Amino acid sequence: MKFLAPWYETKNDALAAELRREVAKGHALHGMPVEALGRRDDKDEVLFAVQDGTGRLVAVHLTFQMETDTSWPRFSMFASEAEWIEKMDADHVEFEAQHAGPCKR
């Protein structure tokens, strides 16, 4: 998969370990096997592949603290890579618009 800014590829096992540390019992992601695929450069958001044979991807906003509230960390689940790419494309357009230089005439 080709990542577009602000996303970039990462295969960092520490990010999956961080997710496991953060997710409280009762959270929808608790106990879910995942592998980090990408990270957003401008936010604490990580893309994980769910390792259950479904092909699902999940983007998680890591908090970098142990959570007791099952509403954290926040996440978005994607049924397929194609669904995820739609979100990444939208993130890319927004990022480029925010970081565009002044208009030159």
PDB file of N, CA and C in Angstrom:
ATOM      1  N   MET A   1       0.841  -1.174   0.000  1.00  0.00           N
ATOM      2  CA  MET A   1       0.000   0.000   0.000  1.00  0.00           C
ATOM      3  C   MET A   1       0.892   1.246   0.000  1.00  0.00           C
ATOM      4  N   LYS A   2       0.529   2.193  -0.835  1.00  0.00           N
ATOM      5  CA  LYS A   2       1.264   3.458  -0.890  1.00  0.00           C
ATOM      6  C   LYS A   2       0.563   4.456   0.027  1.00  0.00           C
ATOM      7  N   PHE A   3       1.324   5.050   0.950  1.00  0.00           N
ATOM      8  CA  PHE A   3       0.768   6.022   1.872  1.00  0.00           C
ATOM      9  C   PHE A   3       0.955   7.435   1.328  1.00  0.00           C
ATOM     10  N   LEU A   4      -0.038   8.279   1.576  1.00  0.00           N
ATOM     11  CA  LEU A   4       0.003   9.685   1.187  1.00  0.00           C
ATOM     12  C   LEU A   4       0.123  10.540   2.440  1.00  0.00           C
ATOM     13  N   ALA A   5       0.863  11.653   2.337  1.00  0.00           N
ATOM     14  CA  ALA A   5       1.012  12.567   3.474  1.00  0.00           C
ATOM     15  C   ALA A   5      -0.366  12.996   3.957  1.00  0.00           C
ATOM     16  N   PRO A   6      -0.557  13.033   5.228  1.00  0.00           N
ATOM     17  CA  PRO A   6       0.411  12.975   6.317  1.00  0.00           C
ATOM     18  C   PRO A   6       0.673  11.565   6.842  1.00  0.00           C
ATOM     19  N   TRP A   7       0.226  10.539   6.142  1.00  0.00           N
ATOM     20  CA  TRP A   7       0.448   9.162   6.571  1.00  0.00           C
ATOM     21  C   TRP A   7       1.767   8.652   6.021  1.00  0.00           C
ATOM     22  N   TYR A   8       2.414   7.765   6.777  1.00  0.00           N
ATOM     23  CA  TYR A   8       3.620   7.103   6.302  1.00  0.00           C
ATOM     24  C   TYR A   8       3.646   5.678   6.824  1.00  0.00           C
ATOM     25  N   GLU A   9       4.357   4.812   6.112  1.00  0.00           N
ATOM     26  CA  GLU A   9       4.426   3.404   6.483  1.00  0.00           C
ATOM     27  C   GLU A   9       5.297   3.209   7.721  1.00  0.00           C
ATOM     28  N   THR A  10       4.861   2.326   8.597  1.00  0.00           N
ATOM     29  CA  THR A  10       5.675   1.908   9.734  1.00  0.00           C
ATOM     30  C   THR A  10       5.293   0.487  10.101  1.00  0.00           C
ATOM     31  N   LYS A  11       6.241  -0.295  10.484  1.00  0.00           N
ATOM     32  CA  LYS A  11       6.021  -1.677  10.953  1.00  0.00           C
ATOM     33  C   LYS A  11       6.526  -1.763  12.387  1.00  0.00           C
ATOM     34  N   ASN A  12       6.121  -0.821  13.216  1.00  0.00           N
ATOM     35  CA  ASN A  12       6.625  -0.677  14.572  1.00  0.00           C
ATOM     36  C   ASN A  12       5.823  -1.532  15.550  1.00  0.00           C
ATOM     37  N   ASP A  13       6.432  -2.632  16.044  1.00  0.00           N
ATOM     38  CA  ASP A  13       5.761  -3.505  17.005  1.00  0.00           C
ATOM     39  C   ASP A  13       5.423  -2.787  18.304  1.00  0.00           C
ATOM     40  N   ALA A  14       6.167  -1.741  18.642  1.00  0.00           N
ATOM     41  CA  ALA A  14       5.911  -0.992  19.872  1.00  0.00           C
ATOM     42  C   ALA A  14       4.544  -0.305  19.823  1.00  0.00           C
ATOM     43  N   LEU A  15       4.072   0.047  18.644  1.00  0.00           N
ATOM     44  CA  LEU A  15       2.765   0.696  18.528  1.00  0.00           C
ATOM     45  C   LEU A  15       1.634  -0.282  18.834  1.00  0.00           C
ATOM     46  N   ALA A  16       1.773  -1.523  18.398  1.00  0.00           N
ATOM     47  CA  ALA A  16       0.773  -2.543  18.732  1.00  0.00           C
ATOM     48  C   ALA A  16       0.797  -2.815  20.232  1.00  0.00           C
ATOM     49  N   ALA A  17       1.990  -2.837  20.820  1.00  0.00           N
ATOM     50  CA  ALA A  17       2.106  -3.029  22.270  1.00  0.00           C
ATOM     51  C   ALA A  17       1.475  -1.864  23.017  1.00  0.00           C
ATOM     52  N   GLU A  18       1.650  -0.652  22.494  1.00  0.00           N
ATOM     53  CA  GLU A  18       1.044   0.532  23.129  1.00  0.00           C
ATOM     54  C   GLU A  18      -0.473   0.440  23.072  1.00  0.00           C
ATOM     55  N   LEU A  19      -1.004   0.007  21.950  1.00  0.00           N
ATOM     56  CA  LEU A  19      -2.451  -0.148  21.844  1.00  0.00           C
ATOM     57  C   LEU A  19      -2.962  -1.158  22.874  1.00  0.00           C
ATOM     58  N   ARG A  20      -2.282  -2.293  22.981  1.00  0.00           N
ATOM     59  CA  ARG A  20      -2.692  -3.297  23.973  1.00  0.00           C
ATOM     60  C   ARG A  20      -2.646  -2.729  25.391  1.00  0.00           C
ATOM     61  N   ARG A  21      -1.663  -1.897  25.682  1.00  0.00           N
ATOM     62  CA  ARG A  21      -1.522  -1.286  27.007  1.00  0.00           C
ATOM     63  C   ARG A  21      -2.661  -0.309  27.291  1.00  0.00           C
ATOM     64  N   GLU A  22      -3.077   0.425  26.283  1.00  0.00           N
ATOM     65  CA  GLU A  22      -4.085   1.469  26.457  1.00  0.00           C
ATOM     66  C   GLU A  22      -5.513   0.950  26.558  1.00  0.00           C
ATOM     67  N   VAL A  23      -5.800  -0.139  25.873  1.00  0.00           N
ATOM     68  CA  VAL A  23      -7.182  -0.594  25.740  1.00  0.00           C
ATOM     69  C   VAL A  23      -7.651  -1.292  27.021  1.00  0.00           C
ATOM     70  N   ALA A  24      -8.685  -0.723  27.637  1.00  0.00           N
ATOM     71  CA  ALA A  24      -9.251  -1.296  28.861  1.00  0.00           C
ATOM     72  C   ALA A  24     -10.153  -2.479  28.522  1.00  0.00           C
ATOM     73  N   LYS A  25     -10.290  -3.369  29.481  1.00  0.00           N
ATOM     74  CA  LYS A  25     -11.212  -4.491  29.311  1.00  0.00           C
ATOM     75  C   LYS A  25     -12.606  -3.917  29.062  1.00  0.00           C
ATOM     76  N   GLY A  26     -13.295  -4.443  28.046  1.00  0.00           N
ATOM     77  CA  GLY A  26     -14.608  -3.935  27.668  1.00  0.00           C
ATOM     78  C   GLY A  26     -14.565  -3.024  26.449  1.00  0.00           C
ATOM     79  N   HIS A  27     -13.375  -2.535  26.088  1.00  0.00           N
ATOM     80  CA  HIS A  27     -13.216  -1.714  24.883  1.00  0.00           C
ATOM     81  C   HIS A  27     -13.363  -2.630  23.664  1.00  0.00           C
ATOM     82  N   ALA A  28     -13.923  -2.120  22.586  1.00  0.00           N
ATOM     83  CA  ALA A  28     -14.154  -2.919  21.373  1.00  0.00           C
ATOM     84  C   ALA A  28     -12.870  -3.526  20.807  1.00  0.00           C
ATOM     85  N   LEU A  29     -11.720  -2.901  21.053  1.00  0.00           N
ATOM     86  CA  LEU A  29     -10.455  -3.406  20.529  1.00  0.00           C
ATOM     87  C   LEU A  29      -9.707  -4.302  21.518  1.00  0.00           C
ATOM     88  N   HIS A  30     -10.255  -4.484  22.708  1.00  0.00           N
ATOM     89  CA  HIS A  30      -9.570  -5.283  23.729  1.00  0.00           C
ATOM     90  C   HIS A  30      -9.338  -6.712  23.231  1.00  0.00           C
ATOM     91  N   GLY A  31      -8.090  -7.142  23.266  1.00  0.00           N
ATOM     92  CA  GLY A  31      -7.733  -8.496  22.860  1.00  0.00           C
ATOM     93  C   GLY A  31      -7.670  -8.726  21.367  1.00  0.00           C
ATOM     94  N   MET A  32      -7.910  -7.706  20.562  1.00  0.00           N
ATOM     95  CA  MET A  32      -7.895  -7.851  19.109  1.00  0.00           C
ATOM     96  C   MET A  32      -6.443  -7.909  18.625  1.00  0.00           C
ATOM     97  N   PRO A  33      -6.080  -8.934  17.869  1.00  0.00           N
ATOM     98  CA  PRO A  33      -4.711  -9.015  17.350  1.00  0.00           C
ATOM     99  C   PRO A  33      -4.507  -8.016  16.207  1.00  0.00           C
ATOM    100  N   VAL A  34      -3.480  -7.189  16.329  1.00  0.00           N
ATOM    101  CA  VAL A  34      -3.231  -6.160  15.316  1.00  0.00           C
ATOM    102  C   VAL A  34      -1.741  -6.071  14.984  1.00  0.00           C
ATOM    103  N   GLU A  35      -1.482  -5.486  13.822  1.00  0.00           N
ATOM    104  CA  GLU A  35      -0.123  -5.182  13.385  1.00  0.00           C
ATOM    105  C   GLU A  35      -0.130  -3.760  12.842  1.00  0.00           C
ATOM    106  N   ALA A  36       0.819  -2.936  13.294  1.00  0.00           N
ATOM    107  CA  ALA A  36       0.917  -1.555  12.808  1.00  0.00           C
ATOM    108  C   ALA A  36       1.342  -1.549  11.348  1.00  0.00           C
ATOM    109  N   LEU A  37       0.661  -0.708  10.564  1.00  0.00           N
ATOM    110  CA  LEU A  37       0.992  -0.545   9.146  1.00  0.00           C
ATOM    111  C   LEU A  37       1.465   0.864   8.828  1.00  0.00           C
ATOM    112  N   GLY A  38       0.837   1.865   9.460  1.00  0.00           N
ATOM    113  CA  GLY A  38       1.142   3.246   9.135  1.00  0.00           C
ATOM    114  C   GLY A  38       0.858   4.160  10.304  1.00  0.00           C
ATOM    115  N   ARG A  39       1.380   5.355  10.186  1.00  0.00           N
ATOM    116  CA  ARG A  39       1.198   6.357  11.239  1.00  0.00           C
ATOM    117  C   ARG A  39       0.987   7.710  10.595  1.00  0.00           C
ATOM    118  N   ARG A  40       0.164   8.505  11.243  1.00  0.00           N
ATOM    119  CA  ARG A  40      -0.086   9.858  10.764  1.00  0.00           C
ATOM    120  C   ARG A  40       0.951  10.784  11.374  1.00  0.00           C
ATOM    121  N   ASP A  41       1.635  11.530  10.534  1.00  0.00           N
ATOM    122  CA  ASP A  41       2.757  12.369  10.949  1.00  0.00           C
ATOM    123  C   ASP A  41       2.344  13.546  11.823  1.00  0.00           C
ATOM    124  N   ASP A  42       1.117  14.034  11.669  1.00  0.00           N
ATOM    125  CA  ASP A  42       0.712  15.252  12.369  1.00  0.00           C
ATOM    126  C   ASP A  42      -0.239  14.990  13.534  1.00  0.00           C
ATOM    127  N   LYS A  43      -0.547  13.730  13.817  1.00  0.00           N
ATOM    128  CA  LYS A  43      -1.456  13.390  14.918  1.00  0.00           C
ATOM    129  C   LYS A  43      -1.025  12.047  15.491  1.00  0.00           C
ATOM    130  N   ASP A  44      -1.541  11.703  16.657  1.00  0.00           N
ATOM    131  CA  ASP A  44      -1.198  10.428  17.290  1.00  0.00           C
ATOM    132  C   ASP A  44      -2.121   9.321  16.802  1.00  0.00           C
ATOM    133  N   GLU A  45      -2.232   9.204  15.492  1.00  0.00           N
ATOM    134  CA  GLU A  45      -3.117   8.224  14.888  1.00  0.00           C
ATOM    135  C   GLU A  45      -2.285   7.158  14.174  1.00  0.00           C
ATOM    136  N   VAL A  46      -2.658   5.900  14.411  1.00  0.00           N
ATOM    137  CA  VAL A  46      -1.918   4.773  13.849  1.00  0.00           C
ATOM    138  C   VAL A  46      -2.897   3.866  13.112  1.00  0.00           C
ATOM    139  N   LEU A  47      -2.476   3.368  11.955  1.00  0.00           N
ATOM    140  CA  LEU A  47      -3.266   2.412  11.198  1.00  0.00           C
ATOM    141  C   LEU A  47      -2.767   1.012  11.521  1.00  0.00           C
ATOM    142  N   PHE A  48      -3.699   0.142  11.911  1.00  0.00           N
ATOM    143  CA  PHE A  48      -3.385  -1.248  12.218  1.00  0.00           C
ATOM    144  C   PHE A  48      -4.157  -2.171  11.286  1.00  0.00           C
ATOM    145  N   ALA A  49      -3.532  -3.290  10.924  1.00  0.00           N
ATOM    146  CA  ALA A  49      -4.230  -4.384  10.255  1.00  0.00           C
ATOM    147  C   ALA A  49      -4.737  -5.306  11.346  1.00  0.00           C
ATOM    148  N   VAL A  50      -6.009  -5.644  11.294  1.00  0.00           N
ATOM    149  CA  VAL A  50      -6.582  -6.589  12.253  1.00  0.00           C
ATOM    150  C   VAL A  50      -6.194  -7.984  11.778  1.00  0.00           C
ATOM    151  N   GLN A  51      -5.518  -8.719  12.619  1.00  0.00           N
ATOM    152  CA  GLN A  51      -4.965 -10.023  12.260  1.00  0.00           C
ATOM    153  C   GLN A  51      -5.949 -11.157  12.576  1.00  0.00           C
ATOM    154  N   ASP A  52      -7.131 -11.089  11.947  1.00  0.00           N
ATOM    155  CA  ASP A  52      -8.142 -12.123  12.180  1.00  0.00           C
ATOM    156  C   ASP A  52      -8.690 -12.722  10.883  1.00  0.00           C
ATOM    157  N   GLY A  53      -8.018 -12.409   9.760  1.00  0.00           N
ATOM    158  CA  GLY A  53      -8.432 -12.974   8.481  1.00  0.00           C
ATOM    159  C   GLY A  53      -9.553 -12.223   7.779  1.00  0.00           C
ATOM    160  N   THR A  54     -10.051 -11.142   8.368  1.00  0.00           N
ATOM    161  CA  THR A  54     -11.164 -10.401   7.772  1.00  0.00           C
ATOM    162  C   THR A  54     -10.715  -9.335   6.778  1.00  0.00           C
ATOM    163  N   GLY A  55      -9.450  -8.928   6.825  1.00  0.00           N
ATOM    164  CA  GLY A  55      -8.959  -7.854   5.969  1.00  0.00           C
ATOM    165  C   GLY A  55      -9.285  -6.468   6.498  1.00  0.00           C
ATOM    166  N   ARG A  56      -9.836  -6.419   7.723  1.00  0.00           N
ATOM    167  CA  ARG A  56     -10.187  -5.113   8.293  1.00  0.00           C
ATOM    168  C   ARG A  56      -8.940  -4.344   8.711  1.00  0.00           C
ATOM    169  N   LEU A  57      -9.068  -3.021   8.661  1.00  0.00           N
ATOM    170  CA  LEU A  57      -8.052  -2.100   9.147  1.00  0.00           C
ATOM    171  C   LEU A  57      -8.706  -1.208  10.186  1.00  0.00           C
ATOM    172  N   VAL A  58      -7.907  -0.729  11.126  1.00  0.00           N
ATOM    173  CA  VAL A  58      -8.432   0.155  12.153  1.00  0.00           C
ATOM    174  C   VAL A  58      -7.443   1.293  12.376  1.00  0.00           C
ATOM    175  N   ALA A  59      -7.951   2.515  12.339  1.00  0.00           N
ATOM    176  CA  ALA A  59      -7.156   3.704  12.642  1.00  0.00           C
ATOM    177  C   ALA A  59      -7.480   4.094  14.073  1.00  0.00           C
ATOM    178  N   VAL A  60      -6.448   4.176  14.905  1.00  0.00           N
ATOM    179  CA  VAL A  60      -6.618   4.422  16.338  1.00  0.00           C
ATOM    180  C   VAL A  60      -5.878   5.678  16.730  1.00  0.00           C
ATOM    181  N   HIS A  61      -6.573   6.535  17.492  1.00  0.00           N
ATOM    182  CA  HIS A  61      -5.923   7.717  18.064  1.00  0.00           C
ATOM    183  C   HIS A  61      -5.359   7.318  19.427  1.00  0.00           C
ATOM    184  N   LEU A  62      -4.055   6.996  19.451  1.00  0.00           N
ATOM    185  CA  LEU A  62      -3.426   6.586  20.694  1.00  0.00           C
ATOM    186  C   LEU A  62      -3.339   7.754  21.666  1.00  0.00           C
ATOM    187  N   THR A  63      -3.472   7.444  22.956  1.00  0.00           N
ATOM    188  CA  THR A  63      -3.397   8.479  23.994  1.00  0.00           C
ATOM    189  C   THR A  63      -2.072   8.438  24.750  1.00  0.00           C
ATOM    190  N   PHE A  64      -1.339   7.359  24.632  1.00  0.00           N
ATOM    191  CA  PHE A  64      -0.070   7.130  25.316  1.00  0.00           C
ATOM    192  C   PHE A  64      -0.213   7.188  26.834  1.00  0.00           C
ATOM    193  N   GLN A  65      -1.352   6.640  27.287  1.00  0.00           N
ATOM    194  CA  GLN A  65      -1.577   6.431  28.720  1.00  0.00           C
ATOM    195  C   GLN A  65      -2.548   5.271  28.883  1.00  0.00           C
ATOM    196  N   MET A  66      -2.472   4.601  30.019  1.00  0.00           N
ATOM    197  CA  MET A  66      -3.408   3.502  30.269  1.00  0.00           C
ATOM    198  C   MET A  66      -4.784   4.096  30.482  1.00  0.00           C
ATOM    199  N   GLU A  67      -5.763   3.551  29.803  1.00  0.00           N
ATOM    200  CA  GLU A  67      -7.128   4.070  29.882  1.00  0.00           C
ATOM    201  C   GLU A  67      -7.997   3.151  30.736  1.00  0.00           C
ATOM    202  N   THR A  68      -8.910   3.756  31.459  1.00  0.00           N
ATOM    203  CA  THR A  68      -9.915   2.991  32.194  1.00  0.00           C
ATOM    204  C   THR A  68     -11.289   3.218  31.589  1.00  0.00           C
ATOM    205  N   ASP A  69     -11.433   4.298  30.843  1.00  0.00           N
ATOM    206  CA  ASP A  69     -12.674   4.629  30.146  1.00  0.00           C
ATOM    207  C   ASP A  69     -12.679   3.881  28.822  1.00  0.00           C
ATOM    208  N   THR A  70     -13.682   3.041  28.598  1.00  0.00           N
ATOM    209  CA  THR A  70     -13.713   2.216  27.383  1.00  0.00           C
ATOM    210  C   THR A  70     -14.048   3.010  26.115  1.00  0.00           C
ATOM    211  N   SER A  71     -14.280   4.305  26.234  1.00  0.00           N
ATOM    212  CA  SER A  71     -14.480   5.114  25.028  1.00  0.00           C
ATOM    213  C   SER A  71     -13.132   5.604  24.467  1.00  0.00           C
ATOM    214  N   TRP A  72     -12.040   5.322  25.171  1.00  0.00           N
ATOM    215  CA  TRP A  72     -10.687   5.687  24.719  1.00  0.00           C
ATOM    216  C   TRP A  72      -9.841   4.431  24.623  1.00  0.00           C
ATOM    217  N   PRO A  73      -8.950   4.337  23.690  1.00  0.00           N
ATOM    218  CA  PRO A  73      -8.713   5.291  22.619  1.00  0.00           C
ATOM    219  C   PRO A  73      -9.808   5.217  21.552  1.00  0.00           C
ATOM    220  N   ARG A  74     -10.039   6.348  20.907  1.00  0.00           N
ATOM    221  CA  ARG A  74     -11.020   6.436  19.821  1.00  0.00           C
ATOM    222  C   ARG A  74     -10.450   5.735  18.588  1.00  0.00           C
ATOM    223  N   PHE A  75     -11.343   5.200  17.777  1.00  0.00           N
ATOM    224  CA  PHE A  75     -10.882   4.478  16.593  1.00  0.00           C
ATOM    225  C   PHE A  75     -11.948   4.509  15.506  1.00  0.00           C
ATOM    226  N   SER A  76     -11.497   4.209  14.289  1.00  0.00           N
ATOM    227  CA  SER A  76     -12.385   4.022  13.137  1.00  0.00           C
ATOM    228  C   SER A  76     -12.017   2.703  12.495  1.00  0.00           C
ATOM    229  N   MET A  77     -13.008   1.852  12.295  1.00  0.00           N
ATOM    230  CA  MET A  77     -12.797   0.534  11.691  1.00  0.00           C
ATOM    231  C   MET A  77     -13.134   0.615  10.208  1.00  0.00           C
ATOM    232  N   PHE A  78     -12.321  -0.018   9.381  1.00  0.00           N
ATOM    233  CA  PHE A  78     -12.511  -0.041   7.937  1.00  0.00           C
ATOM    234  C   PHE A  78     -12.633  -1.494   7.488  1.00  0.00           C
ATOM    235  N   ALA A  79     -13.652  -1.792   6.727  1.00  0.00           N
ATOM    236  CA  ALA A  79     -13.920  -3.164   6.297  1.00  0.00           C
ATOM    237  C   ALA A  79     -12.904  -3.677   5.289  1.00  0.00           C
ATOM    238  N   SER A  80     -12.226  -2.750   4.603  1.00  0.00           N
ATOM    239  CA  SER A  80     -11.297  -3.159   3.552  1.00  0.00           C
ATOM    240  C   SER A  80     -10.239  -2.092   3.337  1.00  0.00           C
ATOM    241  N   GLU A  81      -9.193  -2.461   2.623  1.00  0.00           N
ATOM    242  CA  GLU A  81      -8.154  -1.503   2.263  1.00  0.00           C
ATOM    243  C   GLU A  81      -8.736  -0.390   1.393  1.00  0.00           C
ATOM    244  N   ALA A  82      -9.659  -0.730   0.494  1.00  0.00           N
ATOM    245  CA  ALA A  82     -10.278   0.275  -0.370  1.00  0.00           C
ATOM    246  C   ALA A  82     -11.027   1.319   0.454  1.00  0.00           C
ATOM    247  N   GLU A  83     -11.725   0.875   1.472  1.00  0.00           N
ATOM    248  CA  GLU A  83     -12.443   1.807   2.353  1.00  0.00           C
ATOM    249  C   GLU A  83     -11.455   2.709   3.088  1.00  0.00           C
ATOM    250  N   TRP A  84     -10.368   2.120   3.557  1.00  0.00           N
ATOM    251  CA  TRP A  84      -9.333   2.906   4.250  1.00  0.00           C
ATOM    252  C   TRP A  84      -8.716   3.948   3.305  1.00  0.00           C
ATOM    253  N   ILE A  85      -8.456   3.552   2.062  1.00  0.00           N
ATOM    254  CA  ILE A  85      -7.818   4.458   1.101  1.00  0.00           C
ATOM    255  C   ILE A  85      -8.689   5.698   0.872  1.00  0.00           C
ATOM    256  N   GLU A  86     -10.003   5.546   0.888  1.00  0.00           N
ATOM    257  CA  GLU A  86     -10.892   6.711   0.762  1.00  0.00           C
ATOM    258  C   GLU A  86     -10.637   7.705   1.895  1.00  0.00           C
ATOM    259  N   LYS A  87     -10.483   7.202   3.120  1.00  0.00           N
ATOM    260  CA  LYS A  87     -10.215   8.081   4.252  1.00  0.00           C
ATOM    261  C   LYS A  87      -8.826   8.721   4.130  1.00  0.00           C
ATOM    262  N   MET A  88      -7.825   7.919   3.735  1.00  0.00           N
ATOM    263  CA  MET A  88      -6.477   8.454   3.587  1.00  0.00           C
ATOM    264  C   MET A  88      -6.449   9.534   2.508  1.00  0.00           C
ATOM    265  N   ASP A  89      -7.158   9.317   1.409  1.00  0.00           N
ATOM    266  CA  ASP A  89      -7.220  10.330   0.351  1.00  0.00           C
ATOM    267  C   ASP A  89      -7.813  11.635   0.885  1.00  0.00           C
ATOM    268  N   ALA A  90      -8.872  11.536   1.674  1.00  0.00           N
ATOM    269  CA  ALA A  90      -9.495  12.729   2.256  1.00  0.00           C
ATOM    270  C   ALA A  90      -8.538  13.422   3.220  1.00  0.00           C
ATOM    271  N   ASP A  91      -7.834  12.647   4.032  1.00  0.00           N
ATOM    272  CA  ASP A  91      -6.830  13.221   4.937  1.00  0.00           C
ATOM    273  C   ASP A  91      -5.748  13.945   4.148  1.00  0.00           C
ATOM    274  N   HIS A  92      -5.343  13.354   3.023  1.00  0.00           N
ATOM    275  CA  HIS A  92      -4.294  13.938   2.190  1.00  0.00           C
ATOM    276  C   HIS A  92      -4.737  15.284   1.610  1.00  0.00           C
ATOM    277  N   VAL A  93      -5.943  15.335   1.098  1.00  0.00           N
ATOM    278  CA  VAL A  93      -6.465  16.582   0.527  1.00  0.00           C
ATOM    279  C   VAL A  93      -6.518  17.664   1.606  1.00  0.00           C
ATOM    280  N   GLU A  94      -7.030  17.318   2.779  1.00  0.00           N
ATOM    281  CA  GLU A  94      -7.109  18.283   3.887  1.00  0.00           C
ATOM    282  C   GLU A  94      -5.712  18.744   4.309  1.00  0.00           C
ATOM    283  N   PHE A  95      -4.778  17.813   4.421  1.00  0.00           N
ATOM    284  CA  PHE A  95      -3.410  18.133   4.823  1.00  0.00           C
ATOM    285  C   PHE A  95      -2.750  19.060   3.808  1.00  0.00           C
ATOM    286  N   GLU A  96      -2.893  18.740   2.541  1.00  0.00           N
ATOM    287  CA  GLU A  96      -2.289  19.568   1.491  1.00  0.00           C
ATOM    288  C   GLU A  96      -2.885  20.972   1.496  1.00  0.00           C
ATOM    289  N   ALA A  97      -4.178  21.090   1.711  1.00  0.00           N
ATOM    290  CA  ALA A  97      -4.824  22.404   1.740  1.00  0.00           C
ATOM    291  C   ALA A  97      -4.316  23.228   2.927  1.00  0.00           C
ATOM    292  N   GLN A  98      -4.111  22.572   4.058  1.00  0.00           N
ATOM    293  CA  GLN A  98      -3.634  23.281   5.246  1.00  0.00           C
ATOM    294  C   GLN A  98      -2.172  23.686   5.134  1.00  0.00           C
ATOM    295  N   HIS A  99      -1.400  22.976   4.326  1.00  0.00           N
ATOM    296  CA  HIS A  99       0.031  23.227   4.239  1.00  0.00           C
ATOM    297  C   HIS A  99       0.452  23.829   2.904  1.00  0.00           C
ATOM    298  N   ALA A 100      -0.519  24.303   2.147  1.00  0.00           N
ATOM    299  CA  ALA A 100      -0.219  24.941   0.864  1.00  0.00           C
ATOM    300  C   ALA A 100       0.418  26.299   1.116  1.00  0.00           C
ATOM    301  N   GLY A 101       1.371  26.632   0.311  1.00  0.00           N
ATOM    302  CA  GLY A 101       2.030  27.936   0.426  1.00  0.00           C
ATOM    303  C   GLY A 101       1.133  29.044  -0.096  1.00  0.00           C
ATOM    304  N   PRO A 102       1.575  30.279   0.073  1.00  0.00           N
ATOM    305  CA  PRO A 102       0.770  31.397  -0.449  1.00  0.00           C
ATOM    306  C   PRO A 102       0.656  31.339  -1.961  1.00  0.00           C
ATOM    307  N   CYS A 103      -0.448  31.796  -2.446  1.00  0.00           N
ATOM    308  CA  CYS A 103      -0.715  31.808  -3.876  1.00  0.00           C
ATOM    309  C   CYS A 103       0.214  32.812  -4.548  1.00  0.00           C
ATOM    310  N   LYS A 104       0.926  32.377  -5.598  1.00  0.00           N
ATOM    311  CA  LYS A 104       1.857  33.265  -6.311  1.00  0.00           C
ATOM    312  C   LYS A 104       1.227  33.614  -7.655  1.00  0.00           C
ATOM    313  N   ARG A 105       1.279  34.874  -7.994  1.00  0.00           N
ATOM    314  CA  ARG A 105       0.723  35.338  -9.275  1.00  0.00           C
ATOM    315  C   ARG A 105       1.799  35.923 -10.127  1.00  0.00           C
TER     316      ARG A 105
END
